[in-house]
N, C-alpha and C. Protein backbone atom coordinates (compact mmCIF):
# COMPACT_ATOMS: atom_id res chain seq x y z
N MET A 1 -18.19 -74.82 73.04
CA MET A 1 -19.37 -75.32 73.72
C MET A 1 -20.13 -76.24 72.77
N GLN A 2 -20.48 -77.39 73.27
CA GLN A 2 -21.20 -78.34 72.43
C GLN A 2 -22.64 -77.89 72.23
N LEU A 3 -23.20 -78.32 71.10
CA LEU A 3 -24.57 -77.94 70.77
C LEU A 3 -25.55 -78.47 71.80
N SER A 4 -25.28 -79.66 72.33
CA SER A 4 -26.22 -80.23 73.31
C SER A 4 -26.26 -79.40 74.59
N VAL A 5 -25.12 -78.91 75.02
CA VAL A 5 -25.08 -78.08 76.23
C VAL A 5 -25.77 -76.75 75.95
N LEU A 6 -25.51 -76.17 74.77
CA LEU A 6 -26.15 -74.91 74.41
C LEU A 6 -27.66 -75.08 74.33
N THR A 7 -28.12 -76.20 73.78
CA THR A 7 -29.56 -76.47 73.70
C THR A 7 -30.18 -76.59 75.08
N SER A 8 -29.49 -77.29 75.97
CA SER A 8 -30.02 -77.45 77.33
C SER A 8 -30.07 -76.13 78.07
N ILE A 9 -29.02 -75.33 77.95
CA ILE A 9 -29.01 -74.02 78.61
C ILE A 9 -30.12 -73.14 78.06
N THR A 10 -30.30 -73.16 76.74
CA THR A 10 -31.38 -72.37 76.14
C THR A 10 -32.74 -72.85 76.64
N GLY A 11 -32.93 -74.16 76.72
CA GLY A 11 -34.19 -74.69 77.23
C GLY A 11 -34.45 -74.26 78.67
N LEU A 12 -33.42 -74.30 79.49
CA LEU A 12 -33.59 -73.88 80.88
C LEU A 12 -33.87 -72.38 80.99
N LEU A 13 -33.21 -71.57 80.15
CA LEU A 13 -33.48 -70.13 80.16
C LEU A 13 -34.92 -69.84 79.73
N VAL A 14 -35.39 -70.56 78.72
CA VAL A 14 -36.77 -70.36 78.26
C VAL A 14 -37.76 -70.78 79.36
N LEU A 15 -37.47 -71.90 80.03
CA LEU A 15 -38.32 -72.31 81.15
C LEU A 15 -38.35 -71.25 82.25
N GLY A 16 -37.19 -70.71 82.58
CA GLY A 16 -37.13 -69.65 83.58
C GLY A 16 -37.90 -68.41 83.17
N TYR A 17 -37.81 -68.06 81.89
CA TYR A 17 -38.53 -66.88 81.39
C TYR A 17 -40.04 -67.11 81.44
N ILE A 18 -40.48 -68.32 81.08
CA ILE A 18 -41.91 -68.63 81.14
C ILE A 18 -42.42 -68.55 82.58
N LEU A 19 -41.64 -69.09 83.50
CA LEU A 19 -42.04 -69.02 84.91
C LEU A 19 -42.09 -67.58 85.41
N GLU A 20 -41.15 -66.75 84.96
CA GLU A 20 -41.16 -65.34 85.36
C GLU A 20 -42.38 -64.62 84.78
N LEU A 21 -42.74 -64.93 83.53
CA LEU A 21 -43.94 -64.32 82.94
C LEU A 21 -45.19 -64.75 83.70
N LEU A 22 -45.22 -66.01 84.13
CA LEU A 22 -46.35 -66.49 84.93
C LEU A 22 -46.40 -65.78 86.27
N ARG A 23 -45.23 -65.64 86.90
CA ARG A 23 -45.18 -64.99 88.21
C ARG A 23 -45.67 -63.55 88.13
N ARG A 24 -45.33 -62.85 87.05
CA ARG A 24 -45.77 -61.46 86.86
C ARG A 24 -47.17 -61.37 86.27
N GLN A 25 -47.79 -62.50 86.03
CA GLN A 25 -49.14 -62.60 85.45
C GLN A 25 -49.21 -61.91 84.08
N GLN A 26 -48.16 -62.04 83.30
CA GLN A 26 -48.14 -61.50 81.95
C GLN A 26 -48.40 -62.59 80.91
N LEU A 27 -48.49 -63.82 81.36
CA LEU A 27 -48.78 -64.96 80.49
C LEU A 27 -49.82 -65.81 81.21
N ARG A 28 -50.91 -66.09 80.51
CA ARG A 28 -51.98 -66.87 81.14
C ARG A 28 -51.56 -68.34 81.22
N GLU A 29 -52.14 -69.00 82.18
CA GLU A 29 -51.76 -70.38 82.47
C GLU A 29 -52.04 -71.31 81.29
N LYS A 30 -53.14 -71.04 80.57
CA LYS A 30 -53.47 -71.96 79.48
C LYS A 30 -52.42 -71.92 78.37
N TYR A 31 -51.77 -70.79 78.17
CA TYR A 31 -50.70 -70.72 77.17
C TYR A 31 -49.38 -71.22 77.74
N ALA A 32 -49.15 -70.93 79.00
CA ALA A 32 -47.89 -71.32 79.63
C ALA A 32 -47.77 -72.83 79.74
N ALA A 33 -48.89 -73.51 79.91
CA ALA A 33 -48.83 -74.97 80.07
C ALA A 33 -48.22 -75.63 78.84
N ILE A 34 -48.57 -75.14 77.67
CA ILE A 34 -48.01 -75.71 76.43
C ILE A 34 -46.50 -75.52 76.41
N TRP A 35 -46.07 -74.29 76.70
CA TRP A 35 -44.63 -73.99 76.61
C TRP A 35 -43.84 -74.68 77.71
N LEU A 36 -44.43 -74.79 78.90
CA LEU A 36 -43.74 -75.49 79.98
C LEU A 36 -43.58 -76.97 79.63
N ALA A 37 -44.61 -77.56 79.06
CA ALA A 37 -44.53 -78.97 78.67
C ALA A 37 -43.44 -79.17 77.61
N ILE A 38 -43.40 -78.27 76.64
CA ILE A 38 -42.37 -78.38 75.59
C ILE A 38 -40.98 -78.19 76.20
N GLY A 39 -40.84 -77.21 77.06
CA GLY A 39 -39.54 -76.96 77.68
C GLY A 39 -39.08 -78.11 78.56
N LEU A 40 -40.02 -78.69 79.30
CA LEU A 40 -39.65 -79.81 80.17
C LEU A 40 -39.28 -81.05 79.36
N LEU A 41 -39.82 -81.16 78.16
CA LEU A 41 -39.44 -82.29 77.30
C LEU A 41 -38.12 -82.04 76.58
N VAL A 42 -37.87 -80.81 76.19
CA VAL A 42 -36.70 -80.51 75.36
C VAL A 42 -35.43 -80.34 76.20
N ALA A 43 -35.52 -79.73 77.36
CA ALA A 43 -34.32 -79.44 78.15
C ALA A 43 -33.52 -80.71 78.49
N PRO A 44 -34.14 -81.79 78.93
CA PRO A 44 -33.33 -83.00 79.19
C PRO A 44 -32.72 -83.59 77.93
N LEU A 45 -33.40 -83.41 76.80
CA LEU A 45 -32.86 -83.96 75.55
C LEU A 45 -31.56 -83.27 75.16
N GLY A 46 -31.38 -82.05 75.59
CA GLY A 46 -30.13 -81.37 75.32
C GLY A 46 -28.97 -81.99 76.08
N PHE A 47 -29.22 -82.41 77.32
CA PHE A 47 -28.17 -83.04 78.12
C PHE A 47 -27.91 -84.48 77.68
N VAL A 48 -28.97 -85.16 77.25
CA VAL A 48 -28.84 -86.56 76.81
C VAL A 48 -29.43 -86.68 75.42
N PRO A 49 -28.67 -86.28 74.40
CA PRO A 49 -29.24 -86.25 73.04
C PRO A 49 -29.55 -87.63 72.47
N ASP A 50 -28.93 -88.68 72.99
CA ASP A 50 -29.18 -90.03 72.47
C ASP A 50 -30.42 -90.67 73.08
N LEU A 51 -31.12 -89.94 73.93
CA LEU A 51 -32.27 -90.48 74.63
C LEU A 51 -33.38 -90.92 73.68
N LEU A 52 -33.53 -90.21 72.58
CA LEU A 52 -34.62 -90.52 71.65
C LEU A 52 -34.21 -91.44 70.50
N ASP A 53 -32.97 -91.85 70.45
CA ASP A 53 -32.53 -92.71 69.34
C ASP A 53 -33.31 -94.02 69.25
N PRO A 54 -33.56 -94.72 70.37
CA PRO A 54 -34.36 -95.95 70.23
C PRO A 54 -35.78 -95.69 69.72
N VAL A 55 -36.38 -94.60 70.19
CA VAL A 55 -37.73 -94.25 69.73
C VAL A 55 -37.70 -93.91 68.25
N ALA A 56 -36.68 -93.15 67.84
CA ALA A 56 -36.55 -92.78 66.42
C ALA A 56 -36.37 -94.02 65.55
N ARG A 57 -35.53 -94.95 66.00
CA ARG A 57 -35.33 -96.18 65.23
C ARG A 57 -36.62 -96.98 65.12
N ALA A 58 -37.39 -97.02 66.22
CA ALA A 58 -38.66 -97.75 66.20
C ALA A 58 -39.66 -97.14 65.23
N LEU A 59 -39.57 -95.82 65.07
CA LEU A 59 -40.48 -95.12 64.15
C LEU A 59 -39.93 -95.06 62.72
N GLY A 60 -38.72 -95.54 62.53
CA GLY A 60 -38.13 -95.54 61.20
C GLY A 60 -37.44 -94.23 60.84
N VAL A 61 -37.14 -93.42 61.83
CA VAL A 61 -36.45 -92.16 61.61
C VAL A 61 -34.95 -92.40 61.83
N ALA A 62 -34.11 -91.71 61.06
CA ALA A 62 -32.68 -91.97 61.09
C ALA A 62 -32.05 -91.73 62.46
N SER A 63 -32.43 -90.62 63.13
CA SER A 63 -31.82 -90.33 64.43
C SER A 63 -32.81 -89.58 65.31
N GLY A 64 -32.49 -89.52 66.58
CA GLY A 64 -33.34 -88.81 67.53
C GLY A 64 -33.40 -87.32 67.26
N VAL A 65 -32.30 -86.78 66.76
CA VAL A 65 -32.26 -85.35 66.45
C VAL A 65 -33.25 -85.02 65.33
N SER A 66 -33.32 -85.88 64.33
CA SER A 66 -34.28 -85.67 63.24
C SER A 66 -35.71 -85.76 63.75
N LEU A 67 -35.95 -86.67 64.66
CA LEU A 67 -37.29 -86.81 65.25
C LEU A 67 -37.66 -85.57 66.04
N VAL A 68 -36.71 -85.05 66.81
CA VAL A 68 -36.97 -83.83 67.59
C VAL A 68 -37.26 -82.67 66.65
N LEU A 69 -36.50 -82.56 65.57
CA LEU A 69 -36.73 -81.48 64.60
C LEU A 69 -38.12 -81.59 63.98
N PHE A 70 -38.53 -82.79 63.60
CA PHE A 70 -39.84 -82.99 63.01
C PHE A 70 -40.96 -82.68 64.01
N VAL A 71 -40.82 -83.20 65.23
CA VAL A 71 -41.84 -82.96 66.26
C VAL A 71 -41.90 -81.46 66.60
N GLY A 72 -40.75 -80.82 66.64
CA GLY A 72 -40.72 -79.38 66.90
C GLY A 72 -41.43 -78.60 65.81
N PHE A 73 -41.23 -79.00 64.57
CA PHE A 73 -41.91 -78.34 63.45
C PHE A 73 -43.42 -78.52 63.55
N VAL A 74 -43.85 -79.72 63.88
CA VAL A 74 -45.29 -79.99 64.02
C VAL A 74 -45.86 -79.18 65.18
N LEU A 75 -45.13 -79.09 66.30
CA LEU A 75 -45.60 -78.31 67.44
C LEU A 75 -45.73 -76.84 67.11
N VAL A 76 -44.76 -76.30 66.38
CA VAL A 76 -44.83 -74.89 66.00
C VAL A 76 -46.04 -74.66 65.09
N LEU A 77 -46.30 -75.59 64.19
CA LEU A 77 -47.49 -75.46 63.34
C LEU A 77 -48.77 -75.49 64.17
N LEU A 78 -48.85 -76.41 65.14
CA LEU A 78 -50.04 -76.50 65.97
C LEU A 78 -50.22 -75.26 66.85
N VAL A 79 -49.14 -74.76 67.41
CA VAL A 79 -49.23 -73.56 68.24
C VAL A 79 -49.65 -72.37 67.37
N SER A 80 -49.12 -72.27 66.18
CA SER A 80 -49.50 -71.19 65.27
C SER A 80 -50.98 -71.29 64.90
N LEU A 81 -51.45 -72.49 64.62
CA LEU A 81 -52.86 -72.68 64.31
C LEU A 81 -53.73 -72.32 65.50
N HIS A 82 -53.33 -72.73 66.70
CA HIS A 82 -54.09 -72.40 67.90
C HIS A 82 -54.15 -70.88 68.11
N LEU A 83 -53.04 -70.20 67.93
CA LEU A 83 -53.02 -68.75 68.11
C LEU A 83 -53.87 -68.05 67.06
N SER A 84 -53.89 -68.56 65.84
CA SER A 84 -54.76 -67.99 64.80
C SER A 84 -56.22 -68.17 65.18
N TRP A 85 -56.57 -69.35 65.67
CA TRP A 85 -57.94 -69.60 66.11
C TRP A 85 -58.31 -68.66 67.26
N GLU A 86 -57.40 -68.51 68.22
CA GLU A 86 -57.65 -67.64 69.37
C GLU A 86 -57.81 -66.19 68.93
N THR A 87 -56.98 -65.73 68.01
CA THR A 87 -57.07 -64.36 67.51
C THR A 87 -58.40 -64.13 66.80
N SER A 88 -58.83 -65.09 66.00
CA SER A 88 -60.11 -64.96 65.30
C SER A 88 -61.26 -64.89 66.28
N ARG A 89 -61.22 -65.73 67.30
CA ARG A 89 -62.28 -65.73 68.30
C ARG A 89 -62.31 -64.40 69.06
N LEU A 90 -61.14 -63.89 69.44
CA LEU A 90 -61.08 -62.62 70.16
C LEU A 90 -61.51 -61.45 69.29
N GLU A 91 -61.20 -61.50 68.00
CA GLU A 91 -61.62 -60.44 67.08
C GLU A 91 -63.14 -60.40 66.99
N ALA A 92 -63.78 -61.55 66.89
CA ALA A 92 -65.24 -61.60 66.83
C ALA A 92 -65.84 -61.10 68.15
N GLU A 93 -65.24 -61.49 69.27
CA GLU A 93 -65.74 -61.05 70.57
C GLU A 93 -65.58 -59.54 70.73
N THR A 94 -64.46 -58.99 70.28
CA THR A 94 -64.23 -57.55 70.37
C THR A 94 -65.23 -56.79 69.51
N ARG A 95 -65.50 -57.30 68.33
CA ARG A 95 -66.48 -56.64 67.45
C ARG A 95 -67.87 -56.64 68.09
N THR A 96 -68.25 -57.75 68.68
CA THR A 96 -69.56 -57.84 69.35
C THR A 96 -69.63 -56.87 70.52
N LEU A 97 -68.56 -56.79 71.31
CA LEU A 97 -68.54 -55.87 72.45
C LEU A 97 -68.60 -54.42 71.99
N ALA A 98 -67.89 -54.08 70.92
CA ALA A 98 -67.91 -52.71 70.40
C ALA A 98 -69.31 -52.35 69.91
N GLU A 99 -69.98 -53.30 69.27
CA GLU A 99 -71.35 -53.04 68.81
C GLU A 99 -72.29 -52.86 70.00
N ASP A 100 -72.12 -53.68 71.03
CA ASP A 100 -72.95 -53.55 72.23
C ASP A 100 -72.73 -52.19 72.90
N VAL A 101 -71.50 -51.76 73.01
CA VAL A 101 -71.19 -50.47 73.63
C VAL A 101 -71.80 -49.34 72.80
N ALA A 102 -71.73 -49.44 71.49
CA ALA A 102 -72.30 -48.39 70.63
C ALA A 102 -73.81 -48.33 70.81
N LEU A 103 -74.47 -49.48 70.90
CA LEU A 103 -75.92 -49.49 71.09
C LEU A 103 -76.30 -48.93 72.46
N ILE A 104 -75.54 -49.29 73.48
CA ILE A 104 -75.82 -48.76 74.83
C ILE A 104 -75.60 -47.26 74.86
N ARG A 105 -74.52 -46.80 74.22
CA ARG A 105 -74.24 -45.37 74.17
C ARG A 105 -75.36 -44.63 73.42
N ALA A 106 -75.81 -45.19 72.32
CA ALA A 106 -76.88 -44.55 71.56
C ALA A 106 -78.16 -44.50 72.39
N HIS A 107 -78.42 -45.57 73.12
CA HIS A 107 -79.62 -45.59 73.98
C HIS A 107 -79.50 -44.52 75.07
N LEU A 108 -78.32 -44.40 75.66
CA LEU A 108 -78.12 -43.38 76.70
C LEU A 108 -78.24 -41.97 76.13
N VAL A 109 -77.78 -41.78 74.92
CA VAL A 109 -77.90 -40.46 74.29
C VAL A 109 -79.37 -40.14 74.07
N GLN A 110 -80.14 -41.11 73.61
CA GLN A 110 -81.57 -40.88 73.38
C GLN A 110 -82.31 -40.60 74.69
N GLN A 111 -81.87 -41.25 75.77
CA GLN A 111 -82.53 -41.06 77.06
C GLN A 111 -82.01 -39.82 77.79
N GLY A 112 -80.95 -39.23 77.27
CA GLY A 112 -80.36 -38.05 77.91
C GLY A 112 -79.46 -38.41 79.08
N GLY A 113 -79.10 -39.65 79.22
CA GLY A 113 -78.28 -40.07 80.35
C GLY A 113 -76.80 -40.16 80.03
N TYR A 114 -76.42 -39.80 78.84
CA TYR A 114 -75.01 -39.88 78.48
C TYR A 114 -74.32 -38.64 78.98
N PRO A 115 -73.19 -38.75 79.69
CA PRO A 115 -72.55 -37.56 80.28
C PRO A 115 -72.06 -36.59 79.21
N SER A 116 -72.40 -35.32 79.40
CA SER A 116 -72.01 -34.32 78.41
C SER A 116 -70.57 -33.92 78.53
N THR A 117 -69.87 -34.26 79.63
CA THR A 117 -68.47 -33.89 79.78
C THR A 117 -67.54 -34.91 79.15
N SER A 118 -68.09 -35.98 78.61
CA SER A 118 -67.27 -37.02 78.00
C SER A 118 -66.59 -36.50 76.75
N PRO A 119 -65.35 -36.86 76.51
CA PRO A 119 -64.68 -36.42 75.29
C PRO A 119 -65.33 -37.00 74.03
N ARG A 120 -66.16 -37.99 74.20
CA ARG A 120 -66.81 -38.59 73.03
C ARG A 120 -68.18 -37.98 72.77
N THR A 121 -68.48 -36.87 73.43
CA THR A 121 -69.79 -36.27 73.25
C THR A 121 -70.03 -35.88 71.81
N GLU A 122 -68.99 -35.36 71.18
CA GLU A 122 -69.16 -34.97 69.79
C GLU A 122 -69.42 -36.17 68.88
N ASP A 123 -68.96 -37.36 69.32
CA ASP A 123 -69.23 -38.58 68.55
C ASP A 123 -70.65 -39.06 68.73
N SER A 124 -71.30 -38.65 69.82
CA SER A 124 -72.63 -39.18 70.10
C SER A 124 -73.63 -38.75 69.04
N GLY A 125 -73.43 -37.58 68.45
CA GLY A 125 -74.32 -37.16 67.38
C GLY A 125 -74.22 -38.09 66.19
N ALA A 126 -73.02 -38.48 65.88
CA ALA A 126 -72.83 -39.42 64.76
C ALA A 126 -73.43 -40.77 65.09
N ILE A 127 -73.29 -41.20 66.36
CA ILE A 127 -73.86 -42.48 66.76
C ILE A 127 -75.38 -42.43 66.69
N GLU A 128 -75.92 -41.32 67.16
CA GLU A 128 -77.38 -41.18 67.14
C GLU A 128 -77.89 -41.18 65.70
N ALA A 129 -77.15 -40.53 64.81
CA ALA A 129 -77.54 -40.53 63.40
C ALA A 129 -77.50 -41.94 62.82
N GLN A 130 -76.51 -42.73 63.25
CA GLN A 130 -76.43 -44.10 62.76
C GLN A 130 -77.58 -44.95 63.29
N VAL A 131 -77.94 -44.71 64.54
CA VAL A 131 -79.03 -45.49 65.13
C VAL A 131 -80.35 -45.14 64.46
N ASN A 132 -80.56 -43.85 64.18
CA ASN A 132 -81.81 -43.42 63.58
C ASN A 132 -81.92 -43.79 62.10
N SER A 133 -80.77 -44.05 61.45
CA SER A 133 -80.82 -44.37 60.01
C SER A 133 -81.18 -45.81 59.77
C-alpha cells in the first residue's frame, strides 16, 4: 500500500471519528471545527500528493511533502498552545467556583440552612472554622 493511500485513508478515518464524536456530543463544536478543517485539507493531499508542489516551489520549499510536514508541525504547536490556554482558563474558573461554593456553604452553615443529612456535614465545621478565622 502506498503511503499516499494510507495517508488518505487515515485522514478519512479521523474525519469520521470527529463526526462521530460530534454526533455523540462528546466533542464541542469549537474544537471540532479546527480538526475538521485540518482533516478536510489533509485528506485530499493524500490522494493527490503533488497538489502542493507548485505552492511549495513558490515559497522556496523543496517539495509539497516538506511543506505539509512544516505546516502540520506549526498546527500541532498552535493547537497545543490553545489547549494550554484553555486549561489555564478552566483551572482559574474552577478555583473561583470552588471558592464561591465554599463561601455559600459557610453562609448556609451559619444560617442553619445547610442540610444535616449531607455527607459533607462533618466538613462544615472545618469550613466554618476557616470562615471565622
